[in-house]
Amino acid sequence: MRAAVRVMTMVGVFVLRLAGVSVLVHEVTYKGTVVSATPTSVKVNVVNEKTKKVTLEAFEIDPHTKILRGDVVVTFANARIQKDEQIAVTVNLDDGGECYAEVIRLPVKK
């Protein structure tokens, strides 16, 4: 009986810890125009929804960042990101304040 109580307690603690982590991390998408882009970062002018002012946001790009041109996944080089082009950057915000781009979405080139 005691062993069952211990196991149940340990499972409960594990579930609570897991739930706490998922609360700390959430996705946010920033939409704006490209200021500059390098293989390791992209800077975007974003309109702040609260103040309605344009702010410069910087997002780190890593090997796990998915880059989409329209609906097609492309490499950074093939994306050919241009200054003043529309962009949407989705990030997972966490407690560490890291701002790594999970997904970068760009319009189809005409």
N, C-alpha and C. Protein backbone atom coordinates (compact mmCIF):
# COMPACT_ATOMS: atom_id res chain seq x y z
N MET A 1 0.82 -1.19 0.00
CA MET A 1 0.00 0.00 0.00
C MET A 1 0.86 1.26 0.00
N ARG A 2 1.91 1.26 0.86
CA ARG A 2 2.79 2.44 0.92
C ARG A 2 3.50 2.67 -0.41
N ALA A 3 3.90 1.60 -1.05
CA ALA A 3 4.59 1.71 -2.34
C ALA A 3 3.67 2.35 -3.37
N ALA A 4 2.42 1.98 -3.37
CA ALA A 4 1.46 2.55 -4.31
C ALA A 4 1.28 4.05 -4.07
N VAL A 5 1.24 4.45 -2.81
CA VAL A 5 1.10 5.87 -2.47
C VAL A 5 2.33 6.65 -2.93
N ARG A 6 3.50 6.07 -2.74
CA ARG A 6 4.73 6.73 -3.18
C ARG A 6 4.75 6.92 -4.70
N VAL A 7 4.37 5.85 -5.41
CA VAL A 7 4.35 5.92 -6.87
C VAL A 7 3.34 6.99 -7.33
N MET A 8 2.17 7.01 -6.73
CA MET A 8 1.16 8.01 -7.08
C MET A 8 1.66 9.42 -6.80
N THR A 9 2.35 9.61 -5.69
CA THR A 9 2.89 10.92 -5.34
C THR A 9 3.94 11.35 -6.35
N MET A 10 4.83 10.41 -6.71
CA MET A 10 5.87 10.74 -7.67
C MET A 10 5.27 11.08 -9.04
N VAL A 11 4.27 10.34 -9.46
CA VAL A 11 3.61 10.62 -10.73
C VAL A 11 2.94 11.99 -10.68
N GLY A 12 2.29 12.30 -9.57
CA GLY A 12 1.65 13.61 -9.41
C GLY A 12 2.64 14.75 -9.50
N VAL A 13 3.77 14.62 -8.83
CA VAL A 13 4.81 15.66 -8.88
C VAL A 13 5.34 15.82 -10.30
N PHE A 14 5.56 14.72 -11.00
CA PHE A 14 6.05 14.77 -12.38
C PHE A 14 5.05 15.50 -13.28
N VAL A 15 3.76 15.19 -13.16
CA VAL A 15 2.73 15.82 -13.98
C VAL A 15 2.67 17.32 -13.69
N LEU A 16 2.76 17.71 -12.42
CA LEU A 16 2.73 19.13 -12.07
C LEU A 16 3.94 19.87 -12.64
N ARG A 17 5.11 19.27 -12.61
CA ARG A 17 6.30 19.89 -13.18
C ARG A 17 6.15 20.06 -14.69
N LEU A 18 5.63 19.05 -15.34
CA LEU A 18 5.42 19.11 -16.78
C LEU A 18 4.43 20.21 -17.12
N ALA A 19 3.37 20.33 -16.36
CA ALA A 19 2.37 21.38 -16.60
C ALA A 19 2.99 22.75 -16.39
N GLY A 20 3.85 22.90 -15.41
CA GLY A 20 4.50 24.18 -15.14
C GLY A 20 5.39 24.62 -16.29
N VAL A 21 6.09 23.68 -16.90
CA VAL A 21 6.96 24.00 -18.02
C VAL A 21 6.14 24.47 -19.21
N SER A 22 5.03 23.81 -19.51
CA SER A 22 4.23 24.20 -20.67
C SER A 22 3.60 25.57 -20.48
N VAL A 23 3.38 26.01 -19.27
CA VAL A 23 2.84 27.33 -19.01
C VAL A 23 3.90 28.40 -19.28
N LEU A 24 5.16 28.09 -19.05
CA LEU A 24 6.23 29.07 -19.21
C LEU A 24 6.61 29.29 -20.67
N VAL A 25 6.29 28.37 -21.56
CA VAL A 25 6.67 28.47 -22.96
C VAL A 25 5.41 28.64 -23.80
N HIS A 26 5.41 29.67 -24.66
CA HIS A 26 4.28 29.84 -25.57
C HIS A 26 4.73 30.49 -26.87
N GLU A 27 3.99 30.18 -27.94
CA GLU A 27 4.34 30.70 -29.25
C GLU A 27 3.76 32.08 -29.46
N VAL A 28 4.56 32.94 -30.10
CA VAL A 28 4.13 34.28 -30.47
C VAL A 28 4.60 34.52 -31.90
N THR A 29 3.74 35.11 -32.73
CA THR A 29 4.11 35.43 -34.10
C THR A 29 4.20 36.94 -34.25
N TYR A 30 5.34 37.40 -34.74
CA TYR A 30 5.58 38.82 -35.01
C TYR A 30 5.48 39.04 -36.51
N LYS A 31 4.70 40.02 -36.94
CA LYS A 31 4.57 40.34 -38.36
C LYS A 31 5.12 41.75 -38.59
N GLY A 32 5.86 41.90 -39.69
CA GLY A 32 6.41 43.21 -39.99
C GLY A 32 7.17 43.21 -41.30
N THR A 33 8.17 44.09 -41.37
CA THR A 33 9.00 44.19 -42.57
C THR A 33 10.45 43.97 -42.19
N VAL A 34 11.18 43.36 -43.11
CA VAL A 34 12.59 43.02 -42.87
C VAL A 34 13.45 44.28 -42.89
N VAL A 35 14.30 44.41 -41.88
CA VAL A 35 15.31 45.47 -41.84
C VAL A 35 16.62 44.91 -42.36
N SER A 36 16.99 43.71 -41.86
CA SER A 36 18.20 43.03 -42.34
C SER A 36 18.08 41.55 -42.01
N ALA A 37 18.85 40.75 -42.76
CA ALA A 37 18.84 39.31 -42.54
C ALA A 37 20.22 38.73 -42.81
N THR A 38 20.67 37.89 -41.91
CA THR A 38 21.91 37.13 -42.08
C THR A 38 21.57 35.68 -41.80
N PRO A 39 22.46 34.75 -42.10
CA PRO A 39 22.16 33.34 -41.82
C PRO A 39 21.92 33.03 -40.35
N THR A 40 22.31 33.94 -39.45
CA THR A 40 22.14 33.67 -38.02
C THR A 40 21.09 34.56 -37.33
N SER A 41 20.59 35.58 -38.03
CA SER A 41 19.57 36.44 -37.40
C SER A 41 18.80 37.23 -38.44
N VAL A 42 17.63 37.67 -38.02
CA VAL A 42 16.82 38.55 -38.86
C VAL A 42 16.30 39.67 -37.96
N LYS A 43 16.36 40.91 -38.49
CA LYS A 43 15.84 42.06 -37.76
C LYS A 43 14.60 42.55 -38.50
N VAL A 44 13.54 42.80 -37.71
CA VAL A 44 12.23 43.10 -38.28
C VAL A 44 11.63 44.32 -37.60
N ASN A 45 11.08 45.24 -38.40
CA ASN A 45 10.28 46.34 -37.85
C ASN A 45 8.88 45.81 -37.63
N VAL A 46 8.43 45.84 -36.36
CA VAL A 46 7.13 45.31 -35.96
C VAL A 46 6.32 46.43 -35.33
N VAL A 47 5.03 46.49 -35.65
CA VAL A 47 4.15 47.47 -35.01
C VAL A 47 3.70 46.89 -33.68
N ASN A 48 4.04 47.59 -32.59
CA ASN A 48 3.64 47.16 -31.25
C ASN A 48 2.13 47.35 -31.12
N GLU A 49 1.41 46.28 -30.81
CA GLU A 49 -0.05 46.34 -30.74
C GLU A 49 -0.57 47.28 -29.65
N LYS A 50 0.18 47.41 -28.57
CA LYS A 50 -0.26 48.27 -27.47
C LYS A 50 -0.01 49.74 -27.76
N THR A 51 1.21 50.06 -28.17
CA THR A 51 1.58 51.47 -28.36
C THR A 51 1.35 51.96 -29.79
N LYS A 52 1.16 51.04 -30.73
CA LYS A 52 0.99 51.33 -32.16
C LYS A 52 2.24 51.97 -32.77
N LYS A 53 3.37 51.82 -32.09
CA LYS A 53 4.63 52.34 -32.60
C LYS A 53 5.45 51.20 -33.20
N VAL A 54 6.29 51.55 -34.18
CA VAL A 54 7.15 50.56 -34.80
C VAL A 54 8.36 50.32 -33.90
N THR A 55 8.65 49.06 -33.64
CA THR A 55 9.82 48.71 -32.84
C THR A 55 10.66 47.70 -33.62
N LEU A 56 11.95 47.75 -33.41
CA LEU A 56 12.88 46.83 -34.05
C LEU A 56 13.03 45.59 -33.18
N GLU A 57 12.76 44.43 -33.75
CA GLU A 57 12.90 43.16 -33.05
C GLU A 57 13.96 42.33 -33.77
N ALA A 58 14.79 41.65 -33.00
CA ALA A 58 15.83 40.78 -33.57
C ALA A 58 15.53 39.34 -33.17
N PHE A 59 15.66 38.43 -34.13
CA PHE A 59 15.38 37.02 -33.90
C PHE A 59 16.58 36.21 -34.36
N GLU A 60 17.01 35.29 -33.52
CA GLU A 60 18.13 34.40 -33.87
C GLU A 60 17.61 33.28 -34.77
N ILE A 61 18.42 32.92 -35.75
CA ILE A 61 18.11 31.79 -36.63
C ILE A 61 19.10 30.69 -36.32
N ASP A 62 18.60 29.46 -36.15
CA ASP A 62 19.49 28.32 -35.92
C ASP A 62 19.16 27.22 -36.93
N PRO A 63 19.88 26.12 -36.92
CA PRO A 63 19.62 25.06 -37.91
C PRO A 63 18.21 24.47 -37.84
N HIS A 64 17.51 24.67 -36.74
CA HIS A 64 16.16 24.12 -36.58
C HIS A 64 15.08 25.07 -37.07
N THR A 65 15.44 26.29 -37.44
CA THR A 65 14.46 27.26 -37.92
C THR A 65 13.92 26.81 -39.28
N LYS A 66 12.60 26.74 -39.39
CA LYS A 66 11.95 26.38 -40.65
C LYS A 66 11.64 27.68 -41.39
N ILE A 67 12.12 27.78 -42.65
CA ILE A 67 11.88 28.97 -43.47
C ILE A 67 10.95 28.58 -44.61
N LEU A 68 9.84 29.31 -44.71
CA LEU A 68 8.85 29.05 -45.74
C LEU A 68 8.75 30.23 -46.70
N ARG A 69 8.82 29.96 -47.98
CA ARG A 69 8.56 30.97 -49.01
C ARG A 69 7.24 30.52 -49.62
N GLY A 70 6.15 31.19 -49.26
CA GLY A 70 4.82 30.67 -49.59
C GLY A 70 4.60 29.44 -48.73
N ASP A 71 4.29 28.32 -49.37
CA ASP A 71 4.08 27.06 -48.65
C ASP A 71 5.26 26.10 -48.79
N VAL A 72 6.35 26.58 -49.40
CA VAL A 72 7.49 25.72 -49.69
C VAL A 72 8.61 25.97 -48.69
N VAL A 73 9.10 24.89 -48.07
CA VAL A 73 10.24 25.00 -47.16
C VAL A 73 11.50 25.22 -47.99
N VAL A 74 12.29 26.26 -47.63
CA VAL A 74 13.51 26.59 -48.36
C VAL A 74 14.66 26.79 -47.38
N THR A 75 15.87 26.78 -47.90
CA THR A 75 17.04 27.10 -47.09
C THR A 75 17.13 28.61 -46.95
N PHE A 76 17.96 29.08 -46.03
CA PHE A 76 18.14 30.52 -45.88
C PHE A 76 18.62 31.13 -47.19
N ALA A 77 19.60 30.49 -47.83
CA ALA A 77 20.16 31.02 -49.08
C ALA A 77 19.09 31.10 -50.17
N ASN A 78 18.26 30.08 -50.30
CA ASN A 78 17.23 30.07 -51.32
C ASN A 78 16.05 31.00 -51.00
N ALA A 79 15.91 31.37 -49.75
CA ALA A 79 14.82 32.29 -49.36
C ALA A 79 15.06 33.68 -49.94
N ARG A 80 16.32 34.08 -50.06
CA ARG A 80 16.69 35.40 -50.59
C ARG A 80 15.85 36.51 -49.94
N ILE A 81 15.96 36.59 -48.63
CA ILE A 81 15.20 37.57 -47.85
C ILE A 81 15.70 38.97 -48.20
N GLN A 82 14.76 39.85 -48.55
CA GLN A 82 15.09 41.21 -48.99
C GLN A 82 14.63 42.24 -47.96
N LYS A 83 15.36 43.35 -47.88
CA LYS A 83 14.99 44.48 -47.02
C LYS A 83 13.62 45.00 -47.44
N ASP A 84 12.80 45.37 -46.48
CA ASP A 84 11.45 45.92 -46.64
C ASP A 84 10.41 44.90 -47.11
N GLU A 85 10.78 43.63 -47.16
CA GLU A 85 9.84 42.59 -47.53
C GLU A 85 8.99 42.21 -46.32
N GLN A 86 7.74 41.81 -46.55
CA GLN A 86 6.86 41.36 -45.48
C GLN A 86 7.39 40.05 -44.92
N ILE A 87 7.25 39.87 -43.59
CA ILE A 87 7.74 38.67 -42.93
C ILE A 87 6.90 38.40 -41.68
N ALA A 88 6.77 37.12 -41.35
CA ALA A 88 6.15 36.70 -40.09
C ALA A 88 7.12 35.74 -39.43
N VAL A 89 7.44 36.02 -38.16
CA VAL A 89 8.40 35.20 -37.42
C VAL A 89 7.69 34.64 -36.18
N THR A 90 7.66 33.31 -36.08
CA THR A 90 7.06 32.66 -34.92
C THR A 90 8.17 32.20 -33.99
N VAL A 91 8.06 32.58 -32.72
CA VAL A 91 9.05 32.21 -31.71
C VAL A 91 8.35 31.54 -30.54
N ASN A 92 9.09 30.75 -29.79
CA ASN A 92 8.62 30.20 -28.53
C ASN A 92 9.28 31.02 -27.44
N LEU A 93 8.49 31.79 -26.74
CA LEU A 93 9.02 32.60 -25.64
C LEU A 93 9.15 31.73 -24.40
N ASP A 94 10.31 31.82 -23.74
CA ASP A 94 10.52 31.06 -22.52
C ASP A 94 11.06 32.00 -21.44
N ASP A 95 11.27 31.45 -20.27
CA ASP A 95 11.76 32.25 -19.15
C ASP A 95 13.14 32.84 -19.40
N GLY A 96 13.95 32.20 -20.23
CA GLY A 96 15.31 32.66 -20.47
C GLY A 96 15.40 33.89 -21.33
N GLY A 97 14.29 34.33 -21.94
CA GLY A 97 14.29 35.51 -22.77
C GLY A 97 14.92 35.29 -24.14
N GLU A 98 15.22 34.03 -24.46
CA GLU A 98 15.80 33.71 -25.76
C GLU A 98 14.74 33.98 -26.84
N CYS A 99 15.17 34.48 -27.97
CA CYS A 99 14.23 34.80 -29.05
C CYS A 99 14.67 34.09 -30.33
N TYR A 100 14.63 32.76 -30.31
CA TYR A 100 14.99 31.97 -31.49
C TYR A 100 13.77 31.80 -32.38
N ALA A 101 13.96 32.05 -33.67
CA ALA A 101 12.87 31.88 -34.63
C ALA A 101 12.61 30.40 -34.84
N GLU A 102 11.38 29.99 -34.62
CA GLU A 102 10.96 28.61 -34.90
C GLU A 102 10.59 28.49 -36.38
N VAL A 103 9.78 29.47 -36.84
CA VAL A 103 9.31 29.48 -38.23
C VAL A 103 9.38 30.90 -38.78
N ILE A 104 9.90 31.02 -40.00
CA ILE A 104 9.91 32.30 -40.71
C ILE A 104 9.05 32.10 -41.95
N ARG A 105 8.04 32.96 -42.13
CA ARG A 105 7.17 32.88 -43.28
C ARG A 105 7.35 34.12 -44.15
N LEU A 106 7.54 33.86 -45.45
CA LEU A 106 7.75 34.92 -46.43
C LEU A 106 6.75 34.74 -47.56
N PRO A 107 6.36 35.84 -48.22
CA PRO A 107 5.42 35.71 -49.34
C PRO A 107 6.11 35.08 -50.56
N VAL A 108 5.30 34.56 -51.46
CA VAL A 108 5.82 34.01 -52.71
C VAL A 108 6.38 35.17 -53.53
N LYS A 109 7.57 34.96 -54.12
CA LYS A 109 8.17 35.99 -54.97
C LYS A 109 7.43 36.02 -56.30
N LYS A 110 7.17 37.23 -56.79
CA LYS A 110 6.46 37.39 -58.07
C LYS A 110 7.41 37.54 -59.21
